[in-house]
Amino acid sequence: MKHPSLPALLLAALCLPFGSAALAGDLGAAFHALPVDTRVAVQAELAAVDLYLADPDGDWSAATERAVLRSVEAISLNSGARVRPQLTSTPAMQSYLQALAEGSYSSYLRRGDFSGGGALWRRIQLGG
C-alpha cells in the first residue's frame, strides 16, 4: 500500500476546515476569556517556535488564529499523530490555550525540524 508523502499530508492537514468563521469566532472568544498575561504567554510560546510572527500583545488577530491552528497541526505532526489537541468546544479551546501558555506542549512544538526555520517549516511556509 502506497503512503502519501509528507508534503501531501501537510497540505491536507492545512486545508482542513479550521478556517470556518464559527471556529474562528469561538476560538477568539475562548482566547479573550483568558487573562491578558495568559494570552500573551500563548502568543509568546507560539512565537518561540516561529508560528506566531508578531509581537505578543494578548490581542486576538488573524496572526494569532493562524498560529494557534498551525500549532495543533505541528503537535499532531511532531507526535506522529499520537497527540491531537481538540478544538471542539469552548472549554476544550480554553484548556488547549491554557496548556500552550503553560508550555505543556513545548516538547511537541519544538520536536523535529518544524521550529526555528527548519526544512519542514520552510516547506509549509512556501507551499511545498
C-alpha atoms as a PDB file:
ATOM      1  CA  MET A   1       0.000   0.000   0.000  1.00  0.00           C
ATOM      2  CA  LYS A   2       1.389   3.376  -1.011  1.00  0.00           C
ATOM      3  CA  HIS A   3       1.565   6.009   1.723  1.00  0.00           C
ATOM      4  CA  PRO A   4       1.118   9.702   0.912  1.00  0.00           C
ATOM      5  CA  SER A   5       4.205  11.891   1.007  1.00  0.00           C
ATOM      6  CA  LEU A   6       4.840  14.248   3.893  1.00  0.00           C
ATOM      7  CA  PRO A   7       4.165  17.365   1.765  1.00  0.00           C
ATOM      8  CA  ALA A   8       0.836  15.840   0.671  1.00  0.00           C
ATOM      9  CA  LEU A   9      -0.085  15.124   4.297  1.00  0.00           C
ATOM     10  CA  LEU A  10       0.858  18.648   5.314  1.00  0.00           C
ATOM     11  CA  LEU A  11      -1.193  20.155   2.535  1.00  0.00           C
ATOM     12  CA  ALA A  12      -4.188  18.041   3.508  1.00  0.00           C
ATOM     13  CA  ALA A  13      -3.770  18.969   7.168  1.00  0.00           C
ATOM     14  CA  LEU A  14      -3.553  22.673   6.418  1.00  0.00           C
ATOM     15  CA  CYS A  15      -6.650  22.531   4.223  1.00  0.00           C
ATOM     16  CA  LEU A  16      -8.881  21.170   6.979  1.00  0.00           C
ATOM     17  CA  PRO A  17     -11.945  23.282   7.701  1.00  0.00           C
ATOM     18  CA  PHE A  18     -10.254  25.091  10.581  1.00  0.00           C
ATOM     19  CA  GLY A  19     -10.778  28.464   8.952  1.00  0.00           C
ATOM     20  CA  SER A  20     -14.540  28.432   9.337  1.00  0.00           C
ATOM     21  CA  ALA A  21     -15.984  31.613  10.756  1.00  0.00           C
ATOM     22  CA  ALA A  22     -17.704  29.712  13.565  1.00  0.00           C
ATOM     23  CA  LEU A  23     -14.472  28.080  14.746  1.00  0.00           C
ATOM     24  CA  ALA A  24     -12.549  31.337  14.450  1.00  0.00           C
ATOM     25  CA  GLY A  25     -15.189  33.187  16.438  1.00  0.00           C
ATOM     26  CA  ASP A  26     -15.323  30.524  19.136  1.00  0.00           C
ATOM     27  CA  LEU A  27     -11.535  30.322  19.321  1.00  0.00           C
ATOM     28  CA  GLY A  28     -11.272  34.102  19.546  1.00  0.00           C
ATOM     29  CA  ALA A  29     -13.878  34.161  22.314  1.00  0.00           C
ATOM     30  CA  ALA A  30     -12.042  31.402  24.190  1.00  0.00           C
ATOM     31  CA  PHE A  31      -8.791  33.360  23.815  1.00  0.00           C
ATOM     32  CA  HIS A  32     -10.354  36.600  25.097  1.00  0.00           C
ATOM     33  CA  ALA A  33     -11.844  34.790  28.099  1.00  0.00           C
ATOM     34  CA  LEU A  34      -8.294  34.164  29.365  1.00  0.00           C
ATOM     35  CA  PRO A  35      -6.408  36.704  31.471  1.00  0.00           C
ATOM     36  CA  VAL A  36      -4.244  39.024  29.380  1.00  0.00           C
ATOM     37  CA  ASP A  37      -0.998  37.593  30.795  1.00  0.00           C
ATOM     38  CA  THR A  38      -2.103  34.111  29.715  1.00  0.00           C
ATOM     39  CA  ARG A  39      -2.965  35.397  26.233  1.00  0.00           C
ATOM     40  CA  VAL A  40       0.480  36.984  25.955  1.00  0.00           C
ATOM     41  CA  ALA A  41       2.054  33.713  27.142  1.00  0.00           C
ATOM     42  CA  VAL A  42       0.160  31.775  24.424  1.00  0.00           C
ATOM     43  CA  GLN A  43       1.479  34.128  21.754  1.00  0.00           C
ATOM     44  CA  ALA A  44       4.989  34.060  23.226  1.00  0.00           C
ATOM     45  CA  GLU A  45       5.017  30.249  23.180  1.00  0.00           C
ATOM     46  CA  LEU A  46       3.893  30.242  19.562  1.00  0.00           C
ATOM     47  CA  ALA A  47       6.418  32.947  18.662  1.00  0.00           C
ATOM     48  CA  ALA A  48       9.213  30.883  20.220  1.00  0.00           C
ATOM     49  CA  VAL A  49       8.612  28.200  17.565  1.00  0.00           C
ATOM     50  CA  ASP A  50       8.048  30.637  14.684  1.00  0.00           C
ATOM     51  CA  LEU A  51       4.328  30.011  14.411  1.00  0.00           C
ATOM     52  CA  TYR A  52       3.323  33.479  15.607  1.00  0.00           C
ATOM     53  CA  LEU A  53       5.178  36.146  13.698  1.00  0.00           C
ATOM     54  CA  ALA A  54       4.066  39.277  15.545  1.00  0.00           C
ATOM     55  CA  ASP A  55       4.879  40.775  18.910  1.00  0.00           C
ATOM     56  CA  PRO A  56       2.990  39.034  21.742  1.00  0.00           C
ATOM     57  CA  ASP A  57       0.402  41.570  22.884  1.00  0.00           C
ATOM     58  CA  GLY A  58      -2.527  39.475  24.089  1.00  0.00           C
ATOM     59  CA  ASP A  59      -4.819  40.703  21.304  1.00  0.00           C
ATOM     60  CA  TRP A  60      -6.706  38.296  19.041  1.00  0.00           C
ATOM     61  CA  SER A  61      -5.839  38.698  15.365  1.00  0.00           C
ATOM     62  CA  ALA A  62      -5.621  36.693  12.160  1.00  0.00           C
ATOM     63  CA  ALA A  63      -1.967  36.038  13.029  1.00  0.00           C
ATOM     64  CA  THR A  64      -2.966  34.608  16.413  1.00  0.00           C
ATOM     65  CA  GLU A  65      -5.677  32.460  14.837  1.00  0.00           C
ATOM     66  CA  ARG A  66      -3.279  31.058  12.210  1.00  0.00           C
ATOM     67  CA  ALA A  67      -0.620  30.359  14.832  1.00  0.00           C
ATOM     68  CA  VAL A  68      -2.995  28.524  17.172  1.00  0.00           C
ATOM     69  CA  LEU A  69      -4.405  26.393  14.349  1.00  0.00           C
ATOM     70  CA  ARG A  70      -0.949  25.647  12.985  1.00  0.00           C
ATOM     71  CA  SER A  71       0.176  24.645  16.468  1.00  0.00           C
ATOM     72  CA  VAL A  72      -2.475  21.914  16.545  1.00  0.00           C
ATOM     73  CA  GLU A  73      -1.114  20.564  13.261  1.00  0.00           C
ATOM     74  CA  ALA A  74       2.509  20.879  14.416  1.00  0.00           C
ATOM     75  CA  ILE A  75       1.752  18.934  17.585  1.00  0.00           C
ATOM     76  CA  SER A  76      -0.013  16.228  15.596  1.00  0.00           C
ATOM     77  CA  LEU A  77       2.816  16.003  13.045  1.00  0.00           C
ATOM     78  CA  ASN A  78       5.592  16.054  15.619  1.00  0.00           C
ATOM     79  CA  SER A  79       3.883  13.411  17.752  1.00  0.00           C
ATOM     80  CA  GLY A  80       3.258  11.082  14.822  1.00  0.00           C
ATOM     81  CA  ALA A  81      -0.488  11.826  15.226  1.00  0.00           C
ATOM     82  CA  ARG A  82      -0.461  10.401  18.779  1.00  0.00           C
ATOM     83  CA  VAL A  83      -1.365  13.805  20.228  1.00  0.00           C
ATOM     84  CA  ARG A  84      -4.049  15.873  18.546  1.00  0.00           C
ATOM     85  CA  PRO A  85      -5.496  18.724  20.595  1.00  0.00           C
ATOM     86  CA  GLN A  86      -9.222  19.077  20.038  1.00  0.00           C
ATOM     87  CA  LEU A  87     -10.834  22.448  19.473  1.00  0.00           C
ATOM     88  CA  THR A  88     -14.393  21.154  19.524  1.00  0.00           C
ATOM     89  CA  SER A  89     -15.865  23.257  22.317  1.00  0.00           C
ATOM     90  CA  THR A  90     -15.130  26.486  24.135  1.00  0.00           C
ATOM     91  CA  PRO A  91     -13.903  24.665  27.281  1.00  0.00           C
ATOM     92  CA  ALA A  92     -11.625  22.461  25.140  1.00  0.00           C
ATOM     93  CA  MET A  93     -10.274  25.551  23.361  1.00  0.00           C
ATOM     94  CA  GLN A  94      -9.615  27.328  26.662  1.00  0.00           C
ATOM     95  CA  SER A  95      -7.924  24.241  28.051  1.00  0.00           C
ATOM     96  CA  TYR A  96      -5.685  23.968  24.985  1.00  0.00           C
ATOM     97  CA  LEU A  97      -4.775  27.656  25.093  1.00  0.00           C
ATOM     98  CA  GLN A  98      -4.009  27.430  28.828  1.00  0.00           C
ATOM     99  CA  ALA A  99      -1.813  24.382  28.195  1.00  0.00           C
ATOM    100  CA  LEU A 100       0.035  26.286  25.455  1.00  0.00           C
ATOM    101  CA  ALA A 101       0.600  29.202  27.836  1.00  0.00           C
ATOM    102  CA  GLU A 102       1.975  26.835  30.480  1.00  0.00           C
ATOM    103  CA  GLY A 103       4.341  25.187  27.985  1.00  0.00           C
ATOM    104  CA  SER A 104       2.620  21.804  28.223  1.00  0.00           C
ATOM    105  CA  TYR A 105       3.075  21.178  24.501  1.00  0.00           C
ATOM    106  CA  SER A 106       6.585  22.626  24.220  1.00  0.00           C
ATOM    107  CA  SER A 107       8.284  19.320  23.508  1.00  0.00           C
ATOM    108  CA  TYR A 108       5.893  18.615  20.627  1.00  0.00           C
ATOM    109  CA  LEU A 109       6.174  22.125  19.222  1.00  0.00           C
ATOM    110  CA  ARG A 110       9.975  22.001  19.311  1.00  0.00           C
ATOM    111  CA  ARG A 111      10.438  18.421  18.078  1.00  0.00           C
ATOM    112  CA  GLY A 112      11.954  17.711  14.672  1.00  0.00           C
ATOM    113  CA  ASP A 113      12.788  20.486  12.270  1.00  0.00           C
ATOM    114  CA  PHE A 114       9.436  22.287  12.412  1.00  0.00           C
ATOM    115  CA  SER A 115      10.536  25.191  14.583  1.00  0.00           C
ATOM    116  CA  GLY A 116      13.391  27.559  14.089  1.00  0.00           C
ATOM    117  CA  GLY A 117      13.044  27.790  10.329  1.00  0.00           C
ATOM    118  CA  GLY A 118      13.898  24.153   9.609  1.00  0.00           C
ATOM    119  CA  ALA A 119      13.217  22.439   6.295  1.00  0.00           C
ATOM    120  CA  LEU A 120       9.718  21.291   7.240  1.00  0.00           C
ATOM    121  CA  TRP A 121       8.690  24.783   8.310  1.00  0.00           C
ATOM    122  CA  ARG A 122      10.062  26.266   5.066  1.00  0.00           C
ATOM    123  CA  ARG A 123       8.025  23.739   3.042  1.00  0.00           C
ATOM    124  CA  ILE A 124       4.874  24.729   4.909  1.00  0.00           C
ATOM    125  CA  GLN A 125       5.532  28.445   4.565  1.00  0.00           C
ATOM    126  CA  LEU A 126       6.453  28.249   0.895  1.00  0.00           C
ATOM    127  CA  GLY A 127       3.722  25.798  -0.006  1.00  0.00           C
ATOM    128  CA  GLY A 128       5.812  22.826  -0.889  1.00  0.00           C
END
